[in-house]
PDB file of N, CA and C in Angstrom:
ATOM      1  N   UNK A   1      56.188 -66.192  28.576  1.00  0.00           N
ATOM      2  CA  UNK A   1      56.126 -65.703  27.113  1.00  0.00           C
ATOM      3  C   UNK A   1      56.234 -64.306  27.026  1.00  0.00           C
ATOM      4  N   UNK A   2      56.893 -63.864  26.167  1.00  0.00           N
ATOM      5  CA  UNK A   2      57.272 -62.469  25.954  1.00  0.00           C
ATOM      6  C   UNK A   2      56.220 -61.876  24.700  1.00  0.00           C
ATOM      7  N   UNK A   3      56.026 -60.659  24.554  1.00  0.00           N
ATOM      8  CA  UNK A   3      55.555 -60.080  23.523  1.00  0.00           C
ATOM      9  C   UNK A   3      56.692 -59.926  22.441  1.00  0.00           C
ATOM     10  N   UNK A   4      56.095 -59.790  21.246  1.00  0.00           N
ATOM     11  CA  UNK A   4      56.890 -59.574  19.947  1.00  0.00           C
ATOM     12  C   UNK A   4      56.295 -58.220  19.146  1.00  0.00           C
ATOM     13  N   UNK A   5      57.183 -57.329  18.956  1.00  0.00           N
ATOM     14  CA  UNK A   5      57.035 -56.284  18.232  1.00  0.00           C
ATOM     15  C   UNK A   5      57.328 -56.634  16.716  1.00  0.00           C
ATOM     16  N   UNK A   6      56.494 -56.609  15.962  1.00  0.00           N
ATOM     17  CA  UNK A   6      56.543 -56.840  14.486  1.00  0.00           C
ATOM     18  C   UNK A   6      56.492 -55.638  13.665  1.00  0.00           C
ATOM     19  N   UNK A   7      57.908 -55.160  12.930  1.00  0.00           N
ATOM     20  CA  UNK A   7      57.663 -54.195  12.282  1.00  0.00           C
ATOM     21  C   UNK A   7      58.028 -54.401  10.759  1.00  0.00           C
ATOM     22  N   UNK A   8      57.078 -53.793   9.772  1.00  0.00           N
ATOM     23  CA  UNK A   8      57.385 -54.013   8.452  1.00  0.00           C
ATOM     24  C   UNK A   8      58.764 -53.115   7.972  1.00  0.00           C
ATOM     25  N   UNK A   9      59.809 -53.815   7.650  1.00  0.00           N
ATOM     26  CA  UNK A   9      61.011 -53.104   7.346  1.00  0.00           C
ATOM     27  C   UNK A   9      61.011 -52.671   5.852  1.00  0.00           C
ATOM     28  N   UNK A  10      60.487 -53.677   4.999  1.00  0.00           N
ATOM     29  CA  UNK A  10      60.545 -53.314   3.523  1.00  0.00           C
ATOM     30  C   UNK A  10      59.379 -54.108   2.761  1.00  0.00           C
ATOM     31  N   UNK A  11      58.990 -53.448   1.845  1.00  0.00           N
ATOM     32  CA  UNK A  11      57.654 -53.979   0.820  1.00  0.00           C
ATOM     33  C   UNK A  11      58.433 -53.979  -0.474  1.00  0.00           C
ATOM     34  N   UNK A  12      58.507 -55.199  -0.989  1.00  0.00           N
ATOM     35  CA  UNK A  12      59.122 -55.195  -2.289  1.00  0.00           C
ATOM     36  C   UNK A  12      58.303 -55.737  -3.512  1.00  0.00           C
ATOM     37  N   UNK A  13      58.719 -55.266  -4.718  1.00  0.00           N
ATOM     38  CA  UNK A  13      57.688 -55.748  -5.696  1.00  0.00           C
ATOM     39  C   UNK A  13      58.674 -55.864  -7.077  1.00  0.00           C
ATOM     40  N   UNK A  14      58.625 -56.976  -7.449  1.00  0.00           N
ATOM     41  CA  UNK A  14      59.309 -57.342  -8.809  1.00  0.00           C
ATOM     42  C   UNK A  14      58.531 -57.387 -10.090  1.00  0.00           C
ATOM     43  N   UNK A  15      58.428 -56.349 -10.722  1.00  0.00           N
ATOM     44  CA  UNK A  15      57.532 -56.044 -11.977  1.00  0.00           C
ATOM     45  C   UNK A  15      57.714 -57.195 -12.927  1.00  0.00           C
ATOM     46  N   UNK A  16      59.022 -57.542 -13.049  1.00  0.00           N
ATOM     47  CA  UNK A  16      59.256 -58.304 -14.299  1.00  0.00           C
ATOM     48  C   UNK A  16      58.767 -59.767 -13.982  1.00  0.00           C
ATOM     49  N   UNK A  17      58.846 -60.176 -12.772  1.00  0.00           N
ATOM     50  CA  UNK A  17      58.241 -61.501 -12.320  1.00  0.00           C
ATOM     51  C   UNK A  17      56.802 -61.329 -12.328  1.00  0.00           C
ATOM     52  N   UNK A  18      56.147 -60.402 -12.003  1.00  0.00           N
ATOM     53  CA  UNK A  18      54.716 -60.149 -12.067  1.00  0.00           C
ATOM     54  C   UNK A  18      54.137 -60.338 -13.554  1.00  0.00           C
ATOM     55  N   UNK A  19      54.888 -59.670 -14.382  1.00  0.00           N
ATOM     56  CA  UNK A  19      54.637 -59.740 -15.828  1.00  0.00           C
ATOM     57  C   UNK A  19      54.687 -60.961 -16.361  1.00  0.00           C
ATOM     58  N   UNK A  20      55.685 -61.797 -15.941  1.00  0.00           N
ATOM     59  CA  UNK A  20      56.338 -63.090 -16.354  1.00  0.00           C
ATOM     60  C   UNK A  20      55.115 -64.000 -15.777  1.00  0.00           C
ATOM     61  N   UNK A  21      54.614 -64.109 -14.559  1.00  0.00           N
ATOM     62  CA  UNK A  21      53.895 -65.292 -13.966  1.00  0.00           C
ATOM     63  C   UNK A  21      52.519 -64.828 -13.647  1.00  0.00           C
ATOM     64  N   UNK A  22      52.377 -63.675 -13.201  1.00  0.00           N
ATOM     65  CA  UNK A  22      50.851 -63.357 -12.942  1.00  0.00           C
ATOM     66  C   UNK A  22      49.977 -62.912 -13.883  1.00  0.00           C
ATOM     67  N   UNK A  23      48.693 -63.495 -13.774  1.00  0.00           N
ATOM     68  CA  UNK A  23      47.532 -63.321 -14.701  1.00  0.00           C
ATOM     69  C   UNK A  23      47.476 -61.842 -15.027  1.00  0.00           C
ATOM     70  N   UNK A  24      47.455 -60.794 -13.958  1.00  0.00           N
ATOM     71  CA  UNK A  24      47.281 -59.610 -13.968  1.00  0.00           C
ATOM     72  C   UNK A  24      48.660 -58.648 -14.232  1.00  0.00           C
ATOM     73  N   UNK A  25      49.641 -59.580 -14.262  1.00  0.00           N
ATOM     74  CA  UNK A  25      51.068 -58.808 -14.409  1.00  0.00           C
ATOM     75  C   UNK A  25      51.231 -57.740 -13.306  1.00  0.00           C
ATOM     76  N   UNK A  26      51.920 -56.795 -13.893  1.00  0.00           N
ATOM     77  CA  UNK A  26      52.414 -55.734 -12.801  1.00  0.00           C
ATOM     78  C   UNK A  26      51.344 -54.764 -12.384  1.00  0.00           C
ATOM     79  N   UNK A  27      50.107 -55.128 -12.750  1.00  0.00           N
ATOM     80  CA  UNK A  27      49.174 -54.190 -12.471  1.00  0.00           C
ATOM     81  C   UNK A  27      48.721 -54.564 -10.957  1.00  0.00           C
ATOM     82  N   UNK A  28      49.079 -55.854 -10.510  1.00  0.00           N
ATOM     83  CA  UNK A  28      48.728 -56.108  -9.017  1.00  0.00           C
ATOM     84  C   UNK A  28      49.614 -55.269  -8.132  1.00  0.00           C
ATOM     85  N   UNK A  29      50.671 -54.663  -8.336  1.00  0.00           N
ATOM     86  CA  UNK A  29      51.508 -53.939  -7.705  1.00  0.00           C
ATOM     87  C   UNK A  29      52.026 -54.588  -6.302  1.00  0.00           C
ATOM     88  N   UNK A  30      52.576 -53.894  -5.553  1.00  0.00           N
ATOM     89  CA  UNK A  30      53.048 -54.300  -4.272  1.00  0.00           C
ATOM     90  C   UNK A  30      51.880 -54.915  -3.185  1.00  0.00           C
ATOM     91  N   UNK A  31      52.214 -55.422  -2.290  1.00  0.00           N
ATOM     92  CA  UNK A  31      51.276 -55.824  -1.105  1.00  0.00           C
ATOM     93  C   UNK A  31      50.370 -54.687  -0.718  1.00  0.00           C
ATOM     94  N   UNK A  32      49.186 -54.911  -0.864  1.00  0.00           N
ATOM     95  CA  UNK A  32      48.201 -53.937  -0.668  1.00  0.00           C
ATOM     96  C   UNK A  32      47.794 -53.709   0.842  1.00  0.00           C
ATOM     97  N   UNK A  33      48.131 -54.862   1.787  1.00  0.00           N
ATOM     98  CA  UNK A  33      47.785 -54.713   3.043  1.00  0.00           C
ATOM     99  C   UNK A  33      48.958 -54.152   3.949  1.00  0.00           C
ATOM    100  N   UNK A  34      50.281 -54.243   3.761  1.00  0.00           N
ATOM    101  CA  UNK A  34      51.322 -53.776   4.728  1.00  0.00           C
ATOM    102  C   UNK A  34      52.121 -52.719   4.159  1.00  0.00           C
ATOM    103  N   UNK A  35      52.490 -51.764   4.912  1.00  0.00           N
ATOM    104  CA  UNK A  35      53.310 -50.559   4.303  1.00  0.00           C
ATOM    105  C   UNK A  35      54.627 -50.696   5.237  1.00  0.00           C
ATOM    106  N   UNK A  36      55.609 -50.141   4.851  1.00  0.00           N
ATOM    107  CA  UNK A  36      56.984 -49.857   5.520  1.00  0.00           C
ATOM    108  C   UNK A  36      56.508 -49.019   6.719  1.00  0.00           C
ATOM    109  N   UNK A  37      57.069 -49.410   7.837  1.00  0.00           N
ATOM    110  CA  UNK A  37      56.877 -48.645   9.209  1.00  0.00           C
ATOM    111  C   UNK A  37      55.705 -49.169   9.960  1.00  0.00           C
ATOM    112  N   UNK A  38      54.854 -50.065   9.296  1.00  0.00           N
ATOM    113  CA  UNK A  38      53.547 -50.552  10.039  1.00  0.00           C
ATOM    114  C   UNK A  38      54.328 -51.366  11.325  1.00  0.00           C
ATOM    115  N   UNK A  39      53.619 -51.266  12.322  1.00  0.00           N
ATOM    116  CA  UNK A  39      53.968 -52.101  13.496  1.00  0.00           C
ATOM    117  C   UNK A  39      52.766 -52.886  14.123  1.00  0.00           C
ATOM    118  N   UNK A  40      53.080 -53.932  14.616  1.00  0.00           N
ATOM    119  CA  UNK A  40      52.016 -54.979  15.099  1.00  0.00           C
ATOM    120  C   UNK A  40      52.578 -55.638  16.344  1.00  0.00           C
ATOM    121  N   UNK A  41      51.757 -55.807  17.373  1.00  0.00           N
ATOM    122  CA  UNK A  41      52.211 -56.555  18.568  1.00  0.00           C
ATOM    123  C   UNK A  41      51.678 -57.930  18.855  1.00  0.00           C
ATOM    124  N   UNK A  42      52.586 -58.917  18.912  1.00  0.00           N
ATOM    125  CA  UNK A  42      52.042 -60.345  19.179  1.00  0.00           C
ATOM    126  C   UNK A  42      52.052 -60.510  20.709  1.00  0.00           C
ATOM    127  N   UNK A  43      50.868 -60.753  21.053  1.00  0.00           N
ATOM    128  CA  UNK A  43      50.869 -60.977  22.593  1.00  0.00           C
ATOM    129  C   UNK A  43      50.632 -62.440  23.226  1.00  0.00           C
ATOM    130  N   UNK A  44      50.796 -63.544  22.372  1.00  0.00           N
ATOM    131  CA  UNK A  44      50.860 -64.788  22.728  1.00  0.00           C
ATOM    132  C   UNK A  44      49.710 -65.627  21.944  1.00  0.00           C
ATOM    133  N   UNK A  45      49.729 -66.741  22.505  1.00  0.00           N
ATOM    134  CA  UNK A  45      48.799 -67.678  21.686  1.00  0.00           C
ATOM    135  C   UNK A  45      49.121 -67.873  20.287  1.00  0.00           C
ATOM    136  N   UNK A  46      48.230 -68.206  19.474  1.00  0.00           N
ATOM    137  CA  UNK A  46      48.390 -68.274  18.020  1.00  0.00           C
ATOM    138  C   UNK A  46      47.619 -66.964  17.267  1.00  0.00           C
ATOM    139  N   UNK A  47      47.296 -66.041  18.052  1.00  0.00           N
ATOM    140  CA  UNK A  47      46.224 -65.063  17.695  1.00  0.00           C
ATOM    141  C   UNK A  47      47.077 -64.026  16.713  1.00  0.00           C
ATOM    142  N   UNK A  48      46.566 -63.987  15.558  1.00  0.00           N
ATOM    143  CA  UNK A  48      47.319 -62.775  14.612  1.00  0.00           C
ATOM    144  C   UNK A  48      46.977 -61.442  15.002  1.00  0.00           C
ATOM    145  N   UNK A  49      47.824 -60.472  14.940  1.00  0.00           N
ATOM    146  CA  UNK A  49      47.529 -59.160  15.075  1.00  0.00           C
ATOM    147  C   UNK A  49      46.696 -58.561  14.405  1.00  0.00           C
ATOM    148  N   UNK A  50      45.718 -57.753  14.871  1.00  0.00           N
ATOM    149  CA  UNK A  50      44.582 -57.040  13.849  1.00  0.00           C
ATOM    150  C   UNK A  50      45.240 -56.457  12.948  1.00  0.00           C
ATOM    151  N   UNK A  51      44.893 -56.417  11.543  1.00  0.00           N
ATOM    152  CA  UNK A  51      45.365 -55.768  10.528  1.00  0.00           C
ATOM    153  C   UNK A  51      46.531 -56.471   9.695  1.00  0.00           C
ATOM    154  N   UNK A  52      47.009 -57.479  10.339  1.00  0.00           N
ATOM    155  CA  UNK A  52      48.261 -58.244   9.772  1.00  0.00           C
ATOM    156  C   UNK A  52      47.714 -59.134   8.696  1.00  0.00           C
ATOM    157  N   UNK A  53      48.494 -59.388   7.736  1.00  0.00           N
ATOM    158  CA  UNK A  53      48.179 -60.236   6.504  1.00  0.00           C
ATOM    159  C   UNK A  53      48.043 -61.690   6.905  1.00  0.00           C
ATOM    160  N   UNK A  54      47.012 -62.321   6.593  1.00  0.00           N
ATOM    161  CA  UNK A  54      46.829 -63.665   7.002  1.00  0.00           C
ATOM    162  C   UNK A  54      47.933 -64.565   6.207  1.00  0.00           C
ATOM    163  N   UNK A  55      48.078 -64.326   5.132  1.00  0.00           N
ATOM    164  CA  UNK A  55      49.253 -65.137   4.343  1.00  0.00           C
ATOM    165  C   UNK A  55      50.579 -64.954   4.997  1.00  0.00           C
ATOM    166  N   UNK A  56      50.859 -63.741   5.380  1.00  0.00           N
ATOM    167  CA  UNK A  56      52.146 -63.438   5.916  1.00  0.00           C
ATOM    168  C   UNK A  56      52.186 -63.971   7.332  1.00  0.00           C
ATOM    169  N   UNK A  57      51.021 -64.018   8.059  1.00  0.00           N
ATOM    170  CA  UNK A  57      51.141 -64.654   9.262  1.00  0.00           C
ATOM    171  C   UNK A  57      51.476 -66.149   9.286  1.00  0.00           C
ATOM    172  N   UNK A  58      50.832 -67.004   8.158  1.00  0.00           N
ATOM    173  CA  UNK A  58      51.380 -68.233   8.071  1.00  0.00           C
ATOM    174  C   UNK A  58      52.866 -68.322   7.888  1.00  0.00           C
ATOM    175  N   UNK A  59      53.430 -67.401   7.212  1.00  0.00           N
ATOM    176  CA  UNK A  59      54.959 -67.655   6.782  1.00  0.00           C
ATOM    177  C   UNK A  59      55.696 -67.151   8.040  1.00  0.00           C
ATOM    178  N   UNK A  60      55.367 -66.404   8.912  1.00  0.00           N
ATOM    179  CA  UNK A  60      56.218 -65.862   9.828  1.00  0.00           C
ATOM    180  C   UNK A  60      55.810 -66.260  11.312  1.00  0.00           C
ATOM    181  N   UNK A  61      54.821 -66.918  11.661  1.00  0.00           N
ATOM    182  CA  UNK A  61      54.339 -67.208  12.951  1.00  0.00           C
ATOM    183  C   UNK A  61      55.136 -68.168  13.619  1.00  0.00           C
ATOM    184  N   UNK A  62      55.911 -69.104  12.853  1.00  0.00           N
ATOM    185  CA  UNK A  62      56.804 -69.768  13.514  1.00  0.00           C
ATOM    186  C   UNK A  62      57.999 -69.080  14.209  1.00  0.00           C
ATOM    187  N   UNK A  63      58.640 -68.083  13.408  1.00  0.00           N
ATOM    188  CA  UNK A  63      59.794 -67.433  13.909  1.00  0.00           C
ATOM    189  C   UNK A  63      59.122 -66.409  15.094  1.00  0.00           C
ATOM    190  N   UNK A  64      58.054 -66.037  14.969  1.00  0.00           N
ATOM    191  CA  UNK A  64      57.604 -65.072  16.228  1.00  0.00           C
ATOM    192  C   UNK A  64      57.446 -65.949  17.466  1.00  0.00           C
ATOM    193  N   UNK A  65      56.912 -67.152  17.128  1.00  0.00           N
ATOM    194  CA  UNK A  65      56.390 -68.044  18.313  1.00  0.00           C
ATOM    195  C   UNK A  65      57.828 -68.565  19.102  1.00  0.00           C
ATOM    196  N   UNK A  66      58.881 -68.612  18.363  1.00  0.00           N
ATOM    197  CA  UNK A  66      59.946 -69.141  18.887  1.00  0.00           C
ATOM    198  C   UNK A  66      60.745 -68.142  19.762  1.00  0.00           C
ATOM    199  N   UNK A  67      60.652 -66.881  19.086  1.00  0.00           N
ATOM    200  CA  UNK A  67      61.117 -65.540  19.622  1.00  0.00           C
ATOM    201  C   UNK A  67      60.643 -65.320  20.965  1.00  0.00           C
ATOM    202  N   UNK A  68      59.352 -65.428  21.006  1.00  0.00           N
ATOM    203  CA  UNK A  68      58.401 -65.126  22.105  1.00  0.00           C
ATOM    204  C   UNK A  68      58.644 -66.148  23.362  1.00  0.00           C
ATOM    205  N   UNK A  69      59.271 -67.201  23.059  1.00  0.00           N
ATOM    206  CA  UNK A  69      59.194 -68.353  24.079  1.00  0.00           C
ATOM    207  C   UNK A  69      60.547 -68.501  24.495  1.00  0.00           C
ATOM    208  N   UNK A  70      61.569 -68.260  23.705  1.00  0.00           N
ATOM    209  CA  UNK A  70      62.986 -68.588  24.115  1.00  0.00           C
ATOM    210  C   UNK A  70      63.963 -67.968  23.397  1.00  0.00           C
ATOM    211  N   UNK A  71      63.953 -66.511  23.510  1.00  0.00           N
ATOM    212  CA  UNK A  71      64.987 -65.642  22.980  1.00  0.00           C
ATOM    213  C   UNK A  71      66.366 -66.053  23.270  1.00  0.00           C
ATOM    214  N   UNK A  72      67.122 -66.522  22.404  1.00  0.00           N
ATOM    215  CA  UNK A  72      68.299 -66.927  22.690  1.00  0.00           C
ATOM    216  C   UNK A  72      69.416 -66.625  21.687  1.00  0.00           C
ATOM    217  N   UNK A  73      70.769 -66.594  22.061  1.00  0.00           N
ATOM    218  CA  UNK A  73      71.589 -66.303  21.320  1.00  0.00           C
ATOM    219  C   UNK A  73      71.815 -67.224  19.969  1.00  0.00           C
ATOM    220  N   UNK A  74      72.360 -66.438  18.840  1.00  0.00           N
ATOM    221  CA  UNK A  74      72.203 -67.018  17.545  1.00  0.00           C
ATOM    222  C   UNK A  74      73.532 -66.529  16.778  1.00  0.00           C
ATOM    223  N   UNK A  75      74.477 -67.116  16.334  1.00  0.00           N
ATOM    224  CA  UNK A  75      75.415 -66.606  15.683  1.00  0.00           C
ATOM    225  C   UNK A  75      75.132 -65.933  14.337  1.00  0.00           C
ATOM    226  N   UNK A  76      73.964 -65.881  13.794  1.00  0.00           N
ATOM    227  CA  UNK A  76      73.601 -65.073  12.531  1.00  0.00           C
ATOM    228  C   UNK A  76      72.962 -63.757  12.985  1.00  0.00           C
ATOM    229  N   UNK A  77      72.716 -63.530  14.237  1.00  0.00           N
ATOM    230  CA  UNK A  77      71.866 -62.235  14.596  1.00  0.00           C
ATOM    231  C   UNK A  77      72.874 -61.537  15.483  1.00  0.00           C
ATOM    232  N   UNK A  78      73.018 -60.077  15.414  1.00  0.00           N
ATOM    233  CA  UNK A  78      73.772 -59.378  16.137  1.00  0.00           C
ATOM    234  C   UNK A  78      73.138 -59.267  17.666  1.00  0.00           C
ATOM    235  N   UNK A  79      71.826 -59.193  17.640  1.00  0.00           N
ATOM    236  CA  UNK A  79      71.168 -59.143  18.988  1.00  0.00           C
ATOM    237  C   UNK A  79      70.177 -60.276  19.216  1.00  0.00           C
ATOM    238  N   UNK A  80      70.319 -60.961  20.339  1.00  0.00           N
ATOM    239  CA  UNK A  80      69.621 -62.186  20.742  1.00  0.00           C
ATOM    240  C   UNK A  80      68.031 -62.061  20.658  1.00  0.00           C
ATOM    241  N   UNK A  81      67.442 -60.881  20.897  1.00  0.00           N
ATOM    242  CA  UNK A  81      66.005 -60.618  20.979  1.00  0.00           C
ATOM    243  C   UNK A  81      65.510 -60.155  19.677  1.00  0.00           C
ATOM    244  N   UNK A  82      66.229 -60.365  18.589  1.00  0.00           N
ATOM    245  CA  UNK A  82      65.900 -59.670  17.240  1.00  0.00           C
ATOM    246  C   UNK A  82      65.914 -60.810  16.162  1.00  0.00           C
ATOM    247  N   UNK A  83      65.059 -60.774  15.278  1.00  0.00           N
ATOM    248  CA  UNK A  83      65.120 -61.592  13.968  1.00  0.00           C
ATOM    249  C   UNK A  83      64.695 -60.682  12.754  1.00  0.00           C
ATOM    250  N   UNK A  84      64.896 -61.161  11.515  1.00  0.00           N
ATOM    251  CA  UNK A  84      64.512 -60.812  10.385  1.00  0.00           C
ATOM    252  C   UNK A  84      63.807 -61.859   9.741  1.00  0.00           C
ATOM    253  N   UNK A  85      62.745 -61.720   9.151  1.00  0.00           N
ATOM    254  CA  UNK A  85      62.048 -62.823   8.423  1.00  0.00           C
ATOM    255  C   UNK A  85      61.141 -62.025   7.392  1.00  0.00           C
ATOM    256  N   UNK A  86      60.482 -63.008   6.459  1.00  0.00           N
ATOM    257  CA  UNK A  86      59.613 -62.516   5.517  1.00  0.00           C
ATOM    258  C   UNK A  86      58.511 -63.247   5.117  1.00  0.00           C
ATOM    259  N   UNK A  87      57.591 -62.819   4.353  1.00  0.00           N
ATOM    260  CA  UNK A  87      56.638 -63.702   3.859  1.00  0.00           C
ATOM    261  C   UNK A  87      57.145 -64.153   2.454  1.00  0.00           C
ATOM    262  N   UNK A  88      56.576 -65.195   1.974  1.00  0.00           N
ATOM    263  CA  UNK A  88      57.173 -66.083   0.918  1.00  0.00           C
ATOM    264  C   UNK A  88      56.573 -65.866  -0.363  1.00  0.00           C
ATOM    265  N   UNK A  89      55.841 -64.611  -0.619  1.00  0.00           N
ATOM    266  CA  UNK A  89      55.234 -64.140  -1.904  1.00  0.00           C
ATOM    267  C   UNK A  89      56.626 -63.804  -2.712  1.00  0.00           C
ATOM    268  N   UNK A  90      56.662 -64.505  -3.813  1.00  0.00           N
ATOM    269  CA  UNK A  90      57.847 -64.325  -4.734  1.00  0.00           C
ATOM    270  C   UNK A  90      58.111 -63.138  -5.575  1.00  0.00           C
ATOM    271  N   UNK A  91      56.786 -62.583  -5.719  1.00  0.00           N
ATOM    272  CA  UNK A  91      56.576 -61.333  -6.610  1.00  0.00           C
ATOM    273  C   UNK A  91      56.592 -60.176  -5.731  1.00  0.00           C
ATOM    274  N   UNK A  92      55.944 -60.183  -4.579  1.00  0.00           N
ATOM    275  CA  UNK A  92      55.861 -58.959  -3.764  1.00  0.00           C
ATOM    276  C   UNK A  92      55.930 -59.432  -2.330  1.00  0.00           C
ATOM    277  N   UNK A  93      57.274 -59.671  -1.903  1.00  0.00           N
ATOM    278  CA  UNK A  93      57.566 -60.132  -0.585  1.00  0.00           C
ATOM    279  C   UNK A  93      57.702 -58.972   0.389  1.00  0.00           C
ATOM    280  N   UNK A  94      57.174 -59.191   1.657  1.00  0.00           N
ATOM    281  CA  UNK A  94      57.417 -58.184   2.770  1.00  0.00           C
ATOM    282  C   UNK A  94      58.216 -58.686   3.735  1.00  0.00           C
ATOM    283  N   UNK A  95      59.356 -57.718   4.194  1.00  0.00           N
ATOM    284  CA  UNK A  95      60.332 -58.314   5.061  1.00  0.00           C
ATOM    285  C   UNK A  95      60.043 -57.502   6.393  1.00  0.00           C
ATOM    286  N   UNK A  96      60.047 -58.454   7.510  1.00  0.00           N
ATOM    287  CA  UNK A  96      59.651 -57.922   8.966  1.00  0.00           C
ATOM    288  C   UNK A  96      60.889 -57.971   9.836  1.00  0.00           C
ATOM    289  N   UNK A  97      60.783 -57.105  10.625  1.00  0.00           N
ATOM    290  CA  UNK A  97      61.813 -57.203  11.880  1.00  0.00           C
ATOM    291  C   UNK A  97      61.062 -57.480  13.230  1.00  0.00           C
ATOM    292  N   UNK A  98      61.398 -58.390  13.828  1.00  0.00           N
ATOM    293  CA  UNK A  98      60.919 -59.053  14.953  1.00  0.00           C
ATOM    294  C   UNK A  98      61.702 -58.673  16.201  1.00  0.00           C
ATOM    295  N   UNK A  99      61.077 -58.259  17.341  1.00  0.00           N
ATOM    296  CA  UNK A  99      61.948 -57.861  18.507  1.00  0.00           C
ATOM    297  C   UNK A  99      61.156 -58.325  19.754  1.00  0.00           C
ATOM    298  N   UNK A 100      61.642 -59.285  20.456  1.00  0.00           N
ATOM    299  CA  UNK A 100      60.941 -59.650  21.878  1.00  0.00           C
ATOM    300  C   UNK A 100      61.129 -58.594  22.770  1.00  0.00           C
ATOM    301  N   UNK A 101      59.951 -58.211  23.337  1.00  0.00           N
ATOM    302  CA  UNK A 101      59.939 -57.008  24.183  1.00  0.00           C
ATOM    303  C   UNK A 101      60.124 -57.435  25.645  1.00  0.00           C
ATOM    304  N   UNK A 102      60.957 -56.698  26.537  1.00  0.00           N
ATOM    305  CA  UNK A 102      61.283 -57.094  27.865  1.00  0.00           C
ATOM    306  C   UNK A 102      59.890 -57.270  28.548  1.00  0.00           C
ATOM    307  N   UNK A 103      59.718 -58.159  29.453  1.00  0.00           N
ATOM    308  CA  UNK A 103      58.529 -58.425  30.266  1.00  0.00           C
ATOM    309  C   UNK A 103      58.810 -57.270  31.311  1.00  0.00           C
ATOM    310  N   UNK A 104      57.324 -56.770  31.674  1.00  0.00           N
ATOM    311  CA  UNK A 104      57.269 -55.706  32.575  1.00  0.00           C
ATOM    312  C   UNK A 104      57.663 -56.177  33.940  1.00  0.00           C
ATOM    313  N   UNK A 105      58.168 -55.296  34.877  1.00  0.00           N
ATOM    314  CA  UNK A 105      58.598 -55.710  36.118  1.00  0.00           C
ATOM    315  C   UNK A 105      57.528 -56.144  36.999  1.00  0.00           C
ATOM    316  N   UNK A 106      56.070 -55.604  36.715  1.00  0.00           N
ATOM    317  CA  UNK A 106      55.096 -56.052  37.765  1.00  0.00           C
ATOM    318  C   UNK A 106      54.281 -57.417  37.490  1.00  0.00           C
ATOM    319  N   UNK A 107      55.044 -58.180  36.297  1.00  0.00           N
ATOM    320  CA  UNK A 107      54.650 -59.449  36.193  1.00  0.00           C
ATOM    321  C   UNK A 107      55.239 -60.452  37.206  1.00  0.00           C
ATOM    322  N   UNK A 108      54.380 -61.387  37.399  1.00  0.00           N
ATOM    323  CA  UNK A 108      54.904 -62.518  38.348  1.00  0.00           C
ATOM    324  C   UNK A 108      55.342 -63.568  37.582  1.00  0.00           C
TER     325      UNK A 108
END
């Protein structure tokens, strides 16, 4: 199993949807937990990295788990060890870049 670097690429906020569907409207603002440029390291198991959003973890864990165990080619992606995914918050989604990191040479 390889480690996966998780990078917050974009934090979105759709004010018009917030006003239309959320009790507090656009005053909720964008995701309060994650910022563009934040990075996290997945080291295996199902353990969420410290500081990561638990709701986003539920949404993106499958992609992280697959990439950490069998990075393989896919015609959708330019690089076989990278993926783009997001949390499923329709009003304030966060987009993540995933990158499988090479295993260090001192591992058996």
